[in-house]
Structure formats: structure tokens, C-alpha cells
Amino acid sequence: MILKELTIISGKGGTGKTTVSAAFAALARNKIITDCDVDAANLHLLLNPQLRQREAFTAMRTPEIDSERCNHCGECETWCRFDAIHHSASGYVIDALACEHCELCARVCPVAAIHLKDTVSGEWFISDTAHGTLVHARLGIGEDNSGKLVTLVRREAQRLAIEEGASLIINDGPPGIGCPVTAAITGVNQVLAVTEPTLSGIHDLQRVADLCAHFRIPLMVCINKYDINFDNTTQLHEWCAKHQVTVVGQIPFDQAVNRALVAQRSVIDIDCGAVTIAMRQLWETVAARLMNESHSITSMIQ
């Protein structure tokens, strides 16, 4: 069985990316679902997960100074390029907020007075949902290394896909184009960008397209709330056609979506009229492009 991987992203927050991800989770089967937006995870709110496994996430080591071994030579302060080490009445201290965890201070200390302590930066989870296995995570407030946590989430999803015999991984990716997004799209089969017909939506879609082109990952586009500004929707279509990016679907604006989200359900679990119809059509198109052969769609659609 060939494992396929789809990542759903958006150039900005609030475009409906997670709404689409939750709908795909309800429509697809034989899949593993992930929430790669580890800085602000919210897919679990629509999937009502039951926790199966919980693990700490450790991505860096924090230096600590042993005051009894320190000989006050000042080498650590001299070499620190982040101005994170200072001398006080009680000896040398490390400013945790300024420290970048590069570990150079421990390397240059001539008396090995600086030791490195593993730092827990967040947690990751494996949960059961009505729509399948969900791998998700939560980065600690103000913590770094979100890209590493995204990579860990994807790696666990790939392991579980093999273990459970899944043929598809659906990643709800982060917004923007930073390190977490790069970690969420690298090596996937397809990227679906969810955009909206606003000036910021158009601009950020162009940045997303540049990122996917850089990594040579096939990109398709869905225009959410396409009917709130037809001029901008036309501009999105024209830009995509000019840059050979396929628009695979359009979803209308409807207050019924808000009611479904408030009820913590997807637009497939609760009938949202035209939105639900458009979402089903979008999934069929995406599944066909992802599998690249029409007969494979039936194994992915309920």
C-alpha cells in the first residue's frame, strides 16, 4: 500500500484551514490525522479526541552554572554572543530569556562548571476520534523549536500509518511561511492552500506559492468565502492561472459554518447546506489529484 500525505496550509490565520481539515477528516477514511499547528492547535476542538498517549517534548538543553565549581574566570561571559551571562554578587548567572541554548558556554568553560539540562518545551499526544487516529501537540508558552515538534508529530503519524495500515495522512498545517510550515510541507505529496478573497489573503497565497515552488511540492488552492468579494476572487483565479496553480474548489460564505464550529463539529457532521456540498466536491477533487487515479478515490471516501 502506497502512503500518501496531504498538508493543508494558509498564508495567514483565519482563512478556514482547520475547518477544511476537519471536513476532510470526516470524509476520508483509512487515514491518520495530524494537527501540525503546534503553536495554536485547535483541530482537536472539532474532533473531540480521547487521549491514548501523552509524551513530553524535549528539543533543547538549558545551561546551568555550578557555583561551587565555577572559578569566576569569565570565559562564558566573554564568549556569549547573546549577552545572556552576567556576573553578580553571588557569581555568574544565566538569563534564561536571553539564552539561545547554543551550548557554547559549556564548551568554553575550562573547569566544566556549566552543565546542560534537558528542557521540556511542550507535549505531544496520540488520540482516538470518531474519524480516526489524531496526532497532535502543544508547544509551551513562549517556547522555541516549533519546527522540531511539527517534525515529531509527522514522524509519529507516519509510524502509526504503517502500524494501522492507513493509506493517507492529512496534516492540518500552521499558518504563515515560517519554520513550522516548512516542517509541515517538506516531503509531502500535495499541499492544499486555503485562501480568502481579501488583499492579505491574495498576498499571503503568493508567499505560500513561492515556498511550495522552492521545495518543488505540488500546490492546489481552495478559495474559502469566495462570494464575499467577487473582484478579489477573480483576481485570485487570474493569478493562479498565470502561475499554473490549480484552483480545486470554492466554498461559499454561510453563517451555518459558525454554528457548526460553536457546536464543535465539522461542516460534514452538521449539514451546512451549500458549504457541505462544496466541501464534499472539494474533497473528491483533492482525493483524485492526490491519488492520481480515479479508481483509488472509492477507497478514501466514505
C-alpha atoms as a PDB file:
ATOM      1  CA  MET A   1       0.000   0.000   0.000  1.00  0.00           C
ATOM      2  CA  ILE A   2       1.379   3.395  -1.012  1.00  0.00           C
ATOM      3  CA  LEU A   3       1.156   6.001   1.750  1.00  0.00           C
ATOM      4  CA  LYS A   4       0.127   9.479   0.592  1.00  0.00           C
ATOM      5  CA  GLU A   5       0.484  12.676   2.612  1.00  0.00           C
ATOM      6  CA  LEU A   6      -1.504  15.900   2.239  1.00  0.00           C
ATOM      7  CA  THR A   7      -0.777  19.123   4.139  1.00  0.00           C
ATOM      8  CA  ILE A   8      -3.375  21.882   4.350  1.00  0.00           C
ATOM      9  CA  ILE A   9      -1.907  25.337   4.944  1.00  0.00           C
ATOM     10  CA  SER A  10      -2.761  29.011   4.620  1.00  0.00           C
ATOM     11  CA  GLY A  11      -0.625  32.077   4.246  1.00  0.00           C
ATOM     12  CA  LYS A  12      -2.449  33.704   7.163  1.00  0.00           C
ATOM     13  CA  GLY A  13      -4.623  32.695  10.074  1.00  0.00           C
ATOM     14  CA  GLY A  14      -8.408  32.711   9.932  1.00  0.00           C
ATOM     15  CA  THR A  15      -8.900  31.553   6.345  1.00  0.00           C
ATOM     16  CA  GLY A  16     -10.734  28.353   7.306  1.00  0.00           C
ATOM     17  CA  LYS A  17      -7.810  25.931   7.087  1.00  0.00           C
ATOM     18  CA  THR A  18      -8.819  23.922  10.149  1.00  0.00           C
ATOM     19  CA  THR A  19     -12.456  23.892   9.027  1.00  0.00           C
ATOM     20  CA  VAL A  20     -11.344  22.246   5.792  1.00  0.00           C
ATOM     21  CA  SER A  21      -9.034  19.841   7.650  1.00  0.00           C
ATOM     22  CA  ALA A  22     -11.830  18.717   9.976  1.00  0.00           C
ATOM     23  CA  ALA A  23     -14.155  18.200   6.996  1.00  0.00           C
ATOM     24  CA  PHE A  24     -11.533  16.100   5.198  1.00  0.00           C
ATOM     25  CA  ALA A  25     -11.039  14.075   8.382  1.00  0.00           C
ATOM     26  CA  ALA A  26     -14.767  13.293   8.334  1.00  0.00           C
ATOM     27  CA  LEU A  27     -14.863  12.473   4.617  1.00  0.00           C
ATOM     28  CA  ALA A  28     -11.695  10.422   4.239  1.00  0.00           C
ATOM     29  CA  ARG A  29     -11.130   7.011   5.690  1.00  0.00           C
ATOM     30  CA  ASN A  30      -8.163   4.715   6.196  1.00  0.00           C
ATOM     31  CA  LYS A  31      -6.127   7.726   7.273  1.00  0.00           C
ATOM     32  CA  ILE A  32      -4.173   9.319  10.119  1.00  0.00           C
ATOM     33  CA  ILE A  33      -4.941  12.933  11.055  1.00  0.00           C
ATOM     34  CA  THR A  34      -2.430  15.388  12.478  1.00  0.00           C
ATOM     35  CA  ASP A  35      -2.543  18.926  13.824  1.00  0.00           C
ATOM     36  CA  CYS A  36       0.797  20.494  12.921  1.00  0.00           C
ATOM     37  CA  ASP A  37      -0.188  23.951  14.160  1.00  0.00           C
ATOM     38  CA  VAL A  38       1.624  23.271  17.423  1.00  0.00           C
ATOM     39  CA  ASP A  39       1.773  26.936  18.489  1.00  0.00           C
ATOM     40  CA  ALA A  40      -2.030  27.269  18.452  1.00  0.00           C
ATOM     41  CA  ALA A  41      -3.520  23.809  17.971  1.00  0.00           C
ATOM     42  CA  ASN A  42      -7.313  23.771  17.578  1.00  0.00           C
ATOM     43  CA  LEU A  43      -8.236  20.809  15.346  1.00  0.00           C
ATOM     44  CA  HIS A  44      -8.929  18.776  18.490  1.00  0.00           C
ATOM     45  CA  LEU A  45     -11.790  21.147  19.298  1.00  0.00           C
ATOM     46  CA  LEU A  46     -13.726  19.787  16.306  1.00  0.00           C
ATOM     47  CA  LEU A  47     -12.748  16.120  16.652  1.00  0.00           C
ATOM     48  CA  ASN A  48     -13.398  15.511  20.384  1.00  0.00           C
ATOM     49  CA  PRO A  49     -10.320  13.303  20.886  1.00  0.00           C
ATOM     50  CA  GLN A  50      -9.980  10.644  23.567  1.00  0.00           C
ATOM     51  CA  LEU A  51      -6.391  10.626  24.781  1.00  0.00           C
ATOM     52  CA  ARG A  52      -4.446   7.419  24.138  1.00  0.00           C
ATOM     53  CA  GLN A  53      -0.836   8.501  24.731  1.00  0.00           C
ATOM     54  CA  ARG A  54       0.822  11.615  26.171  1.00  0.00           C
ATOM     55  CA  GLU A  55       4.542  12.400  25.950  1.00  0.00           C
ATOM     56  CA  ALA A  56       6.820  15.297  26.892  1.00  0.00           C
ATOM     57  CA  PHE A  57       8.635  17.160  24.110  1.00  0.00           C
ATOM     58  CA  THR A  58      12.292  17.948  24.730  1.00  0.00           C
ATOM     59  CA  ALA A  59      14.147  19.794  21.986  1.00  0.00           C
ATOM     60  CA  MET A  60      16.941  21.697  23.665  1.00  0.00           C
ATOM     61  CA  ARG A  61      19.239  21.760  26.664  1.00  0.00           C
ATOM     62  CA  THR A  62      19.494  24.683  29.081  1.00  0.00           C
ATOM     63  CA  PRO A  63      22.896  25.587  30.589  1.00  0.00           C
ATOM     64  CA  GLU A  64      23.203  25.843  34.357  1.00  0.00           C
ATOM     65  CA  ILE A  65      26.253  27.094  36.278  1.00  0.00           C
ATOM     66  CA  ASP A  66      27.591  25.093  39.226  1.00  0.00           C
ATOM     67  CA  SER A  67      28.640  27.893  41.590  1.00  0.00           C
ATOM     68  CA  GLU A  68      30.853  25.560  43.619  1.00  0.00           C
ATOM     69  CA  ARG A  69      32.944  24.546  40.582  1.00  0.00           C
ATOM     70  CA  CYS A  70      32.976  27.973  38.899  1.00  0.00           C
ATOM     71  CA  ASN A  71      36.357  29.736  39.238  1.00  0.00           C
ATOM     72  CA  HIS A  72      34.956  33.108  38.043  1.00  0.00           C
ATOM     73  CA  CYS A  73      37.285  33.277  35.045  1.00  0.00           C
ATOM     74  CA  GLY A  74      34.614  34.990  32.916  1.00  0.00           C
ATOM     75  CA  GLU A  75      35.191  32.919  29.778  1.00  0.00           C
ATOM     76  CA  CYS A  76      31.485  32.101  29.485  1.00  0.00           C
ATOM     77  CA  GLU A  77      30.505  35.775  29.638  1.00  0.00           C
ATOM     78  CA  THR A  78      33.199  36.711  27.109  1.00  0.00           C
ATOM     79  CA  TRP A  79      32.140  34.130  24.550  1.00  0.00           C
ATOM     80  CA  CYS A  80      28.360  34.528  24.899  1.00  0.00           C
ATOM     81  CA  ARG A  81      27.097  36.450  21.843  1.00  0.00           C
ATOM     82  CA  PHE A  82      23.599  36.876  23.272  1.00  0.00           C
ATOM     83  CA  ASP A  83      24.612  38.813  26.402  1.00  0.00           C
ATOM     84  CA  ALA A  84      22.918  36.145  28.473  1.00  0.00           C
ATOM     85  CA  ILE A  85      25.610  35.642  31.131  1.00  0.00           C
ATOM     86  CA  HIS A  86      26.399  38.270  33.776  1.00  0.00           C
ATOM     87  CA  HIS A  87      28.424  38.493  36.936  1.00  0.00           C
ATOM     88  CA  SER A  88      26.583  39.202  40.162  1.00  0.00           C
ATOM     89  CA  ALA A  89      27.430  39.311  43.837  1.00  0.00           C
ATOM     90  CA  SER A  90      26.741  35.574  44.067  1.00  0.00           C
ATOM     91  CA  GLY A  91      28.717  34.692  40.936  1.00  0.00           C
ATOM     92  CA  TYR A  92      27.893  34.228  37.267  1.00  0.00           C
ATOM     93  CA  VAL A  93      24.227  33.792  36.356  1.00  0.00           C
ATOM     94  CA  ILE A  94      22.459  32.946  33.095  1.00  0.00           C
ATOM     95  CA  ASP A  95      19.495  34.989  31.872  1.00  0.00           C
ATOM     96  CA  ALA A  96      17.030  32.311  30.725  1.00  0.00           C
ATOM     97  CA  LEU A  97      15.135  34.734  28.477  1.00  0.00           C
ATOM     98  CA  ALA A  98      18.253  35.900  26.635  1.00  0.00           C
ATOM     99  CA  CYS A  99      19.877  32.461  26.342  1.00  0.00           C
ATOM    100  CA  GLU A 100      19.630  30.873  22.877  1.00  0.00           C
ATOM    101  CA  HIS A 101      20.732  27.418  24.093  1.00  0.00           C
ATOM    102  CA  CYS A 102      23.712  27.290  21.724  1.00  0.00           C
ATOM    103  CA  GLU A 103      25.749  25.449  24.425  1.00  0.00           C
ATOM    104  CA  LEU A 104      28.937  27.388  23.643  1.00  0.00           C
ATOM    105  CA  CYS A 105      29.360  28.451  27.266  1.00  0.00           C
ATOM    106  CA  ALA A 106      29.575  24.813  28.363  1.00  0.00           C
ATOM    107  CA  ARG A 107      32.190  24.148  25.702  1.00  0.00           C
ATOM    108  CA  VAL A 108      34.494  27.049  26.636  1.00  0.00           C
ATOM    109  CA  CYS A 109      34.277  26.665  30.425  1.00  0.00           C
ATOM    110  CA  PRO A 110      37.782  25.498  31.459  1.00  0.00           C
ATOM    111  CA  VAL A 111      36.610  23.831  34.690  1.00  0.00           C
ATOM    112  CA  ALA A 112      33.403  22.178  33.358  1.00  0.00           C
ATOM    113  CA  ALA A 113      31.269  24.235  35.737  1.00  0.00           C
ATOM    114  CA  ILE A 114      28.419  24.538  33.239  1.00  0.00           C
ATOM    115  CA  HIS A 115      26.208  21.525  32.689  1.00  0.00           C
ATOM    116  CA  LEU A 116      23.298  21.143  30.302  1.00  0.00           C
ATOM    117  CA  LYS A 117      19.838  20.174  31.441  1.00  0.00           C
ATOM    118  CA  ASP A 118      17.134  18.828  29.140  1.00  0.00           C
ATOM    119  CA  THR A 119      14.256  21.288  28.892  1.00  0.00           C
ATOM    120  CA  VAL A 120      10.657  20.217  28.359  1.00  0.00           C
ATOM    121  CA  SER A 121       9.199  22.610  25.780  1.00  0.00           C
ATOM    122  CA  GLY A 122       5.771  21.083  25.283  1.00  0.00           C
ATOM    123  CA  GLU A 123       3.776  17.887  24.890  1.00  0.00           C
ATOM    124  CA  TRP A 124       2.565  15.672  22.076  1.00  0.00           C
ATOM    125  CA  PHE A 125      -0.390  13.328  22.028  1.00  0.00           C
ATOM    126  CA  ILE A 126      -1.940  10.386  20.226  1.00  0.00           C
ATOM    127  CA  SER A 127      -5.729  10.350  20.486  1.00  0.00           C
ATOM    128  CA  ASP A 128      -8.689   8.414  19.175  1.00  0.00           C
ATOM    129  CA  THR A 129     -11.523  10.287  17.458  1.00  0.00           C
ATOM    130  CA  ALA A 130     -14.743   9.320  15.725  1.00  0.00           C
ATOM    131  CA  HIS A 131     -12.906   9.960  12.436  1.00  0.00           C
ATOM    132  CA  GLY A 132      -9.692   8.072  13.190  1.00  0.00           C
ATOM    133  CA  THR A 133      -6.357   8.457  14.951  1.00  0.00           C
ATOM    134  CA  LEU A 134      -5.206  12.009  15.664  1.00  0.00           C
ATOM    135  CA  VAL A 135      -1.598  13.011  16.396  1.00  0.00           C
ATOM    136  CA  HIS A 136      -1.387  16.489  17.902  1.00  0.00           C
ATOM    137  CA  ALA A 137       0.823  18.592  20.147  1.00  0.00           C
ATOM    138  CA  ARG A 138       1.026  21.690  22.289  1.00  0.00           C
ATOM    139  CA  LEU A 139       4.131  23.863  22.491  1.00  0.00           C
ATOM    140  CA  GLY A 140       4.732  25.634  25.801  1.00  0.00           C
ATOM    141  CA  ILE A 141       4.051  29.363  26.060  1.00  0.00           C
ATOM    142  CA  GLY A 142       6.962  31.315  24.605  1.00  0.00           C
ATOM    143  CA  GLU A 143       8.916  28.147  23.811  1.00  0.00           C
ATOM    144  CA  ASP A 144      11.045  27.622  20.695  1.00  0.00           C
ATOM    145  CA  ASN A 145      11.567  24.689  18.321  1.00  0.00           C
ATOM    146  CA  SER A 146       8.037  24.509  16.927  1.00  0.00           C
ATOM    147  CA  GLY A 147       9.530  23.149  13.679  1.00  0.00           C
ATOM    148  CA  LYS A 148      11.061  20.218  15.546  1.00  0.00           C
ATOM    149  CA  LEU A 149       7.740  19.478  17.237  1.00  0.00           C
ATOM    150  CA  VAL A 150       5.959  19.528  13.863  1.00  0.00           C
ATOM    151  CA  THR A 151       8.536  17.057  12.538  1.00  0.00           C
ATOM    152  CA  LEU A 152       7.967  14.808  15.552  1.00  0.00           C
ATOM    153  CA  VAL A 153       4.178  14.890  15.020  1.00  0.00           C
ATOM    154  CA  ARG A 154       4.581  13.940  11.355  1.00  0.00           C
ATOM    155  CA  ARG A 155       7.057  11.186  12.165  1.00  0.00           C
ATOM    156  CA  GLU A 156       4.671   9.656  14.697  1.00  0.00           C
ATOM    157  CA  ALA A 157       1.827   9.877  12.167  1.00  0.00           C
ATOM    158  CA  GLN A 158       3.914   8.048   9.586  1.00  0.00           C
ATOM    159  CA  ARG A 159       4.770   5.358  12.124  1.00  0.00           C
ATOM    160  CA  LEU A 160       1.118   4.929  13.055  1.00  0.00           C
ATOM    161  CA  ALA A 161       0.069   4.854   9.396  1.00  0.00           C
ATOM    162  CA  ILE A 162       2.312   1.837   8.847  1.00  0.00           C
ATOM    163  CA  GLU A 163       1.182   0.242  12.112  1.00  0.00           C
ATOM    164  CA  GLU A 164      -2.530   0.738  11.397  1.00  0.00           C
ATOM    165  CA  GLY A 165      -2.357   0.138   7.652  1.00  0.00           C
ATOM    166  CA  ALA A 166      -3.504   3.661   6.725  1.00  0.00           C
ATOM    167  CA  SER A 167      -3.058   4.870   3.155  1.00  0.00           C
ATOM    168  CA  LEU A 168      -3.292   8.608   3.819  1.00  0.00           C
ATOM    169  CA  ILE A 169      -2.034  11.230   6.267  1.00  0.00           C
ATOM    170  CA  ILE A 170      -3.906  14.534   6.479  1.00  0.00           C
ATOM    171  CA  ASN A 171      -1.869  17.313   8.109  1.00  0.00           C
ATOM    172  CA  ASP A 172      -3.585  20.445   9.387  1.00  0.00           C
ATOM    173  CA  GLY A 173      -0.623  22.765   8.928  1.00  0.00           C
ATOM    174  CA  PRO A 174       0.360  26.048  10.579  1.00  0.00           C
ATOM    175  CA  PRO A 175      -0.366  29.476   9.059  1.00  0.00           C
ATOM    176  CA  GLY A 176       2.336  31.653   7.504  1.00  0.00           C
ATOM    177  CA  ILE A 177       5.520  30.585   5.732  1.00  0.00           C
ATOM    178  CA  GLY A 178       7.949  30.147   8.639  1.00  0.00           C
ATOM    179  CA  CYS A 179       9.846  27.172  10.030  1.00  0.00           C
ATOM    180  CA  PRO A 180       6.735  25.275  11.244  1.00  0.00           C
ATOM    181  CA  VAL A 181       5.205  25.485   7.755  1.00  0.00           C
ATOM    182  CA  THR A 182       8.417  24.287   6.139  1.00  0.00           C
ATOM    183  CA  ALA A 183       8.464  21.345   8.551  1.00  0.00           C
ATOM    184  CA  ALA A 184       4.807  20.589   7.734  1.00  0.00           C
ATOM    185  CA  ILE A 185       5.160  20.518   3.932  1.00  0.00           C
ATOM    186  CA  THR A 186       8.617  19.046   3.338  1.00  0.00           C
ATOM    187  CA  GLY A 187       8.324  15.720   1.554  1.00  0.00           C
ATOM    188  CA  VAL A 188       4.514  15.608   1.276  1.00  0.00           C
ATOM    189  CA  ASN A 189       2.732  14.569  -1.920  1.00  0.00           C
ATOM    190  CA  GLN A 190       0.431  17.579  -2.190  1.00  0.00           C
ATOM    191  CA  VAL A 191      -0.214  20.905  -0.487  1.00  0.00           C
ATOM    192  CA  LEU A 192      -3.655  22.475  -0.361  1.00  0.00           C
ATOM    193  CA  ALA A 193      -3.606  26.211   0.378  1.00  0.00           C
ATOM    194  CA  VAL A 194      -6.838  27.640   1.753  1.00  0.00           C
ATOM    195  CA  THR A 195      -7.161  31.329   0.959  1.00  0.00           C
ATOM    196  CA  GLU A 196      -9.827  34.016   1.022  1.00  0.00           C
ATOM    197  CA  PRO A 197     -10.668  36.891  -1.365  1.00  0.00           C
ATOM    198  CA  THR A 198      -9.056  39.657   0.660  1.00  0.00           C
ATOM    199  CA  LEU A 199      -5.950  41.703  -0.077  1.00  0.00           C
ATOM    200  CA  SER A 200      -3.999  39.983   2.699  1.00  0.00           C
ATOM    201  CA  GLY A 201      -5.295  36.598   1.539  1.00  0.00           C
ATOM    202  CA  ILE A 202      -4.066  37.244  -2.009  1.00  0.00           C
ATOM    203  CA  HIS A 203      -0.674  38.469  -0.844  1.00  0.00           C
ATOM    204  CA  ASP A 204      -0.100  35.586   1.559  1.00  0.00           C
ATOM    205  CA  LEU A 205      -1.175  32.996  -1.005  1.00  0.00           C
ATOM    206  CA  GLN A 206       1.570  34.291  -3.278  1.00  0.00           C
ATOM    207  CA  ARG A 207       4.116  33.791  -0.500  1.00  0.00           C
ATOM    208  CA  VAL A 208       2.846  30.257   0.096  1.00  0.00           C
ATOM    209  CA  ALA A 209       3.119  29.506  -3.632  1.00  0.00           C
ATOM    210  CA  ASP A 210       6.724  30.727  -3.665  1.00  0.00           C
ATOM    211  CA  LEU A 211       7.524  28.468  -0.706  1.00  0.00           C
ATOM    212  CA  CYS A 212       5.994  25.392  -2.355  1.00  0.00           C
ATOM    213  CA  ALA A 213       7.753  26.186  -5.628  1.00  0.00           C
ATOM    214  CA  HIS A 214      11.063  26.412  -3.776  1.00  0.00           C
ATOM    215  CA  PHE A 215      10.601  22.898  -2.366  1.00  0.00           C
ATOM    216  CA  ARG A 216       9.027  21.645  -5.622  1.00  0.00           C
ATOM    217  CA  ILE A 217       5.857  20.472  -3.900  1.00  0.00           C
ATOM    218  CA  PRO A 218       2.627  20.386  -5.974  1.00  0.00           C
ATOM    219  CA  LEU A 219       0.244  23.119  -4.832  1.00  0.00           C
ATOM    220  CA  MET A 220      -3.516  23.395  -5.234  1.00  0.00           C
ATOM    221  CA  VAL A 221      -5.763  26.187  -3.971  1.00  0.00           C
ATOM    222  CA  CYS A 222      -9.181  26.421  -2.377  1.00  0.00           C
ATOM    223  CA  ILE A 223     -10.907  29.811  -2.137  1.00  0.00           C
ATOM    224  CA  ASN A 224     -12.978  29.992   1.035  1.00  0.00           C
ATOM    225  CA  LYS A 225     -15.829  32.509   1.350  1.00  0.00           C
ATOM    226  CA  TYR A 226     -15.354  33.228  -2.347  1.00  0.00           C
ATOM    227  CA  ASP A 227     -18.598  35.204  -2.575  1.00  0.00           C
ATOM    228  CA  ILE A 228     -17.686  37.965  -0.099  1.00  0.00           C
ATOM    229  CA  ASN A 229     -15.697  39.798  -2.790  1.00  0.00           C
ATOM    230  CA  PHE A 230     -16.074  38.625  -6.382  1.00  0.00           C
ATOM    231  CA  ASP A 231     -13.463  41.078  -7.705  1.00  0.00           C
ATOM    232  CA  ASN A 232     -10.792  39.638  -5.422  1.00  0.00           C
ATOM    233  CA  THR A 233     -11.929  36.098  -6.231  1.00  0.00           C
ATOM    234  CA  THR A 234     -11.455  36.879  -9.918  1.00  0.00           C
ATOM    235  CA  GLN A 235      -8.011  38.269  -9.124  1.00  0.00           C
ATOM    236  CA  LEU A 236      -7.125  35.036  -7.291  1.00  0.00           C
ATOM    237  CA  HIS A 237      -8.235  32.942 -10.260  1.00  0.00           C
ATOM    238  CA  GLU A 238      -6.229  35.092 -12.676  1.00  0.00           C
ATOM    239  CA  TRP A 239      -3.091  34.930 -10.539  1.00  0.00           C
ATOM    240  CA  CYS A 240      -3.373  31.152 -10.146  1.00  0.00           C
ATOM    241  CA  ALA A 241      -3.925  30.657 -13.888  1.00  0.00           C
ATOM    242  CA  LYS A 242      -0.916  32.840 -14.696  1.00  0.00           C
ATOM    243  CA  HIS A 243       1.316  30.841 -12.342  1.00  0.00           C
ATOM    244  CA  GLN A 244      -0.116  27.426 -13.291  1.00  0.00           C
ATOM    245  CA  VAL A 245      -1.637  26.774  -9.876  1.00  0.00           C
ATOM    246  CA  THR A 246      -4.908  24.846  -9.946  1.00  0.00           C
ATOM    247  CA  VAL A 247      -7.926  26.169  -8.044  1.00  0.00           C
ATOM    248  CA  VAL A 248      -9.606  22.925  -6.954  1.00  0.00           C
ATOM    249  CA  GLY A 249     -12.624  24.389  -5.191  1.00  0.00           C
ATOM    250  CA  GLN A 250     -14.627  27.330  -3.928  1.00  0.00           C
ATOM    251  CA  ILE A 251     -16.592  27.421  -0.683  1.00  0.00           C
ATOM    252  CA  PRO A 252     -19.362  29.994  -0.136  1.00  0.00           C
ATOM    253  CA  PHE A 253     -19.799  32.089   2.974  1.00  0.00           C
ATOM    254  CA  ASP A 254     -22.549  30.903   5.307  1.00  0.00           C
ATOM    255  CA  GLN A 255     -23.284  31.636   8.971  1.00  0.00           C
ATOM    256  CA  ALA A 256     -24.155  27.939   9.347  1.00  0.00           C
ATOM    257  CA  VAL A 257     -20.403  27.260   9.485  1.00  0.00           C
ATOM    258  CA  ASN A 258     -20.114  29.379  12.632  1.00  0.00           C
ATOM    259  CA  ARG A 259     -22.949  27.435  14.245  1.00  0.00           C
ATOM    260  CA  ALA A 260     -21.212  24.141  13.440  1.00  0.00           C
ATOM    261  CA  LEU A 261     -17.916  25.360  14.886  1.00  0.00           C
ATOM    262  CA  VAL A 262     -19.603  26.632  18.048  1.00  0.00           C
ATOM    263  CA  ALA A 263     -21.089  23.152  18.413  1.00  0.00           C
ATOM    264  CA  GLN A 264     -17.540  21.767  17.999  1.00  0.00           C
ATOM    265  CA  ARG A 265     -18.491  19.793  14.910  1.00  0.00           C
ATOM    266  CA  SER A 266     -17.275  19.810  11.310  1.00  0.00           C
ATOM    267  CA  VAL A 267     -19.362  21.040   8.391  1.00  0.00           C
ATOM    268  CA  ILE A 268     -19.744  17.388   7.393  1.00  0.00           C
ATOM    269  CA  ASP A 269     -21.025  16.257  10.793  1.00  0.00           C
ATOM    270  CA  ILE A 270     -23.606  19.083  10.747  1.00  0.00           C
ATOM    271  CA  ASP A 271     -25.350  19.870   7.464  1.00  0.00           C
ATOM    272  CA  CYS A 272     -24.374  23.385   6.394  1.00  0.00           C
ATOM    273  CA  GLY A 273     -26.172  23.322   3.065  1.00  0.00           C
ATOM    274  CA  ALA A 274     -24.150  24.710   0.164  1.00  0.00           C
ATOM    275  CA  VAL A 275     -20.965  24.718   2.252  1.00  0.00           C
ATOM    276  CA  THR A 276     -21.250  20.993   2.959  1.00  0.00           C
ATOM    277  CA  ILE A 277     -21.910  20.269  -0.730  1.00  0.00           C
ATOM    278  CA  ALA A 278     -18.927  22.377  -1.798  1.00  0.00           C
ATOM    279  CA  MET A 279     -16.705  20.707   0.804  1.00  0.00           C
ATOM    280  CA  ARG A 280     -17.628  17.232  -0.431  1.00  0.00           C
ATOM    281  CA  GLN A 281     -16.860  18.289  -4.010  1.00  0.00           C
ATOM    282  CA  LEU A 282     -13.560  19.783  -2.877  1.00  0.00           C
ATOM    283  CA  TRP A 283     -12.542  16.538  -1.162  1.00  0.00           C
ATOM    284  CA  GLU A 284     -13.401  14.441  -4.221  1.00  0.00           C
ATOM    285  CA  THR A 285     -11.239  16.694  -6.397  1.00  0.00           C
ATOM    286  CA  VAL A 286      -8.353  16.717  -3.931  1.00  0.00           C
ATOM    287  CA  ALA A 287      -8.534  12.932  -3.453  1.00  0.00           C
ATOM    288  CA  ALA A 288      -8.439  12.385  -7.229  1.00  0.00           C
ATOM    289  CA  ARG A 289      -5.374  14.611  -7.641  1.00  0.00           C
ATOM    290  CA  LEU A 290      -3.693  13.094  -4.612  1.00  0.00           C
ATOM    291  CA  MET A 291      -4.143   9.504  -5.680  1.00  0.00           C
ATOM    292  CA  ASN A 292      -3.647  10.362  -9.355  1.00  0.00           C
ATOM    293  CA  GLU A 293      -6.035   7.649 -10.490  1.00  0.00           C
ATOM    294  CA  SER A 294      -9.833   7.642 -10.407  1.00  0.00           C
ATOM    295  CA  HIS A 295     -10.359   4.123  -9.067  1.00  0.00           C
ATOM    296  CA  SER A 296      -8.453   4.944  -5.880  1.00  0.00           C
ATOM    297  CA  ILE A 297     -10.979   7.543  -4.772  1.00  0.00           C
ATOM    298  CA  THR A 298     -13.514   4.971  -3.610  1.00  0.00           C
ATOM    299  CA  SER A 299     -11.069   3.612  -1.026  1.00  0.00           C
ATOM    300  CA  MET A 300     -10.715   7.078   0.526  1.00  0.00           C
ATOM    301  CA  ILE A 301     -14.295   8.377   0.507  1.00  0.00           C
ATOM    302  CA  GLN A 302     -16.973   7.198   2.868  1.00  0.00           C
END
